[in-house]
Amino acid sequence: MTEHRVWLTEPPAIGANYAAELPFDGDFDARAYAARRLWRAVNGRTPGPAFHELSRQRHERLSVAIRALDARATGSTYRAVAEGLFGKKRIPDHAWKTHDLRNRTIRLVQSGLALMRGGYRELLRPKRKTK
């Protein structure tokens, strides 16, 4: 069973017909696709595939970025975050300040912060094609 949340200006009436209001903006394609998926689900049909899928690599990077952010938010050092993500054996005893995994860990935390500050919304939009 799937839960759907729909904003209505009045309480719903049984047997009434409803319309979806979609602005003609840059996200129209995604909104129309989502409206069609909702219509299919409400009528007992399978909603079909999502508008766009994340690649496996992108999905994994986002997952690691969120884990890095969570660890950093609890007060862990970048070194401790890197040890948790990549394993203690990969972290050098010396030259940590210039090691690639330190820079990678910092970038992952920054990516997690960007997602937390609203960048997650970009995951819902397909990549725009530039002319």
Protein backbone atom coordinates (compact mmCIF):
# COMPACT_ATOMS: atom_id res chain seq x y z
CA MET A 1 0.00 0.00 0.00
CA THR A 2 1.27 3.48 -0.88
CA GLU A 3 0.36 6.68 0.88
CA HIS A 4 -0.35 9.74 -1.28
CA ARG A 5 -0.55 13.27 0.05
CA VAL A 6 -2.62 15.68 -1.99
CA TRP A 7 -3.34 19.31 -1.13
CA LEU A 8 -7.00 20.19 -1.64
CA THR A 9 -8.69 23.54 -1.05
CA GLU A 10 -11.78 21.74 0.33
CA PRO A 11 -12.41 18.35 1.94
CA PRO A 12 -12.60 15.59 -0.69
CA ALA A 13 -16.01 14.46 -1.92
CA ILE A 14 -16.70 10.86 -2.92
CA GLY A 15 -17.32 10.52 -6.65
CA ALA A 16 -16.07 14.03 -7.44
CA ASN A 17 -13.65 14.72 -10.27
CA TYR A 18 -10.44 16.58 -9.54
CA ALA A 19 -7.90 18.37 -11.67
CA ALA A 20 -4.18 18.87 -11.29
CA GLU A 21 -2.96 22.43 -11.76
CA LEU A 22 0.48 22.45 -13.35
CA PRO A 23 2.40 25.65 -14.06
CA PHE A 24 4.16 25.94 -17.42
CA ASP A 25 7.59 26.37 -15.87
CA GLY A 26 10.95 24.67 -16.25
CA ASP A 27 9.71 21.68 -14.24
CA PHE A 28 6.53 21.10 -16.25
CA ASP A 29 7.71 17.78 -17.70
CA ALA A 30 8.47 16.38 -14.24
CA ARG A 31 5.21 17.70 -12.77
CA ALA A 32 3.10 16.27 -15.61
CA TYR A 33 4.83 12.91 -15.29
CA ALA A 34 4.26 12.93 -11.51
CA ALA A 35 0.59 13.84 -12.01
CA ARG A 36 0.16 10.94 -14.41
CA ARG A 37 1.83 8.55 -11.96
CA LEU A 38 -0.52 9.77 -9.21
CA TRP A 39 -3.55 9.32 -11.47
CA ARG A 40 -2.45 5.76 -12.29
CA ALA A 41 -1.90 4.90 -8.61
CA VAL A 42 -5.23 6.37 -7.51
CA ASN A 43 -6.96 4.28 -10.17
CA GLY A 44 -5.34 1.06 -8.95
CA ARG A 45 -2.73 0.80 -11.69
CA THR A 46 1.01 0.57 -11.29
CA PRO A 47 2.48 4.05 -11.33
CA GLY A 48 5.28 3.08 -13.70
CA PRO A 49 8.95 4.05 -13.56
CA ALA A 50 10.21 7.23 -11.95
CA PHE A 51 10.77 10.27 -14.17
CA HIS A 52 14.50 9.72 -14.06
CA GLU A 53 16.72 7.31 -12.25
CA LEU A 54 19.99 8.00 -10.48
CA SER A 55 22.95 6.03 -11.74
CA ARG A 56 24.35 3.47 -9.33
CA GLN A 57 27.54 5.51 -8.98
CA ARG A 58 25.59 8.72 -8.20
CA HIS A 59 23.41 6.86 -5.70
CA GLU A 60 26.48 5.47 -3.91
CA ARG A 61 28.21 8.86 -3.82
CA LEU A 62 25.13 10.52 -2.33
CA SER A 63 24.87 7.78 0.26
CA VAL A 64 28.52 8.20 1.25
CA ALA A 65 28.16 12.00 1.33
CA ILE A 66 25.23 11.73 3.76
CA ARG A 67 27.15 9.27 5.93
CA ALA A 68 30.15 11.65 5.95
CA LEU A 69 27.93 14.58 6.90
CA ASP A 70 26.28 12.60 9.70
CA ALA A 71 29.66 11.61 11.12
CA ARG A 72 31.00 15.15 10.91
CA ALA A 73 27.82 16.57 12.48
CA THR A 74 28.35 14.35 15.53
CA GLY A 75 31.77 15.92 16.06
CA SER A 76 34.03 13.42 14.32
CA THR A 77 37.24 14.72 12.79
CA TYR A 78 37.82 14.40 9.07
CA ARG A 79 40.36 11.69 9.84
CA ALA A 80 37.79 9.71 11.86
CA VAL A 81 35.21 10.18 9.10
CA ALA A 82 37.70 8.90 6.51
CA GLU A 83 38.56 5.89 8.68
CA GLY A 84 34.86 5.05 8.94
CA LEU A 85 34.26 5.43 5.21
CA PHE A 86 37.44 4.00 3.71
CA GLY A 87 38.90 1.83 6.47
CA LYS A 88 41.69 2.59 8.92
CA LYS A 89 44.30 0.72 6.84
CA ARG A 90 43.95 3.19 3.96
CA ILE A 91 44.60 6.22 6.18
CA PRO A 92 48.32 7.03 6.54
CA ASP A 93 49.90 7.73 9.93
CA HIS A 94 51.93 10.55 8.40
CA ALA A 95 51.15 13.05 5.65
CA TRP A 96 47.41 13.06 6.41
CA LYS A 97 47.16 16.79 5.64
CA THR A 98 48.13 16.22 2.00
CA HIS A 99 46.57 12.79 1.44
CA ASP A 100 43.97 12.34 -1.30
CA LEU A 101 41.47 10.67 1.05
CA ARG A 102 41.51 13.75 3.31
CA ASN A 103 40.53 15.97 0.38
CA ARG A 104 37.96 13.43 -0.77
CA THR A 105 36.44 13.25 2.72
CA ILE A 106 36.17 17.05 2.91
CA ARG A 107 34.47 17.15 -0.49
CA LEU A 108 32.02 14.43 0.60
CA VAL A 109 31.11 16.40 3.73
CA GLN A 110 30.66 19.54 1.61
CA SER A 111 28.41 17.60 -0.78
CA GLY A 112 26.36 16.38 2.18
CA LEU A 113 26.05 19.96 3.46
CA ALA A 114 24.87 21.14 0.04
CA LEU A 115 22.20 18.41 0.03
CA MET A 116 21.13 19.37 3.54
CA ARG A 117 20.83 23.04 2.55
CA GLY A 118 18.33 22.29 -0.20
CA GLY A 119 20.43 20.73 -2.94
CA TYR A 120 18.49 17.49 -2.55
CA ARG A 121 15.75 19.09 -4.64
CA GLU A 122 18.08 18.91 -7.65
CA LEU A 123 17.89 15.12 -7.40
CA LEU A 124 14.25 15.35 -8.46
CA ARG A 125 15.07 17.24 -11.63
CA PRO A 126 16.67 15.62 -14.65
CA LYS A 127 19.87 17.11 -15.99
CA ARG A 128 19.03 20.00 -18.24
CA LYS A 129 20.40 19.82 -21.74
CA THR A 130 22.38 22.89 -22.72
CA LYS A 131 22.07 24.23 -26.23
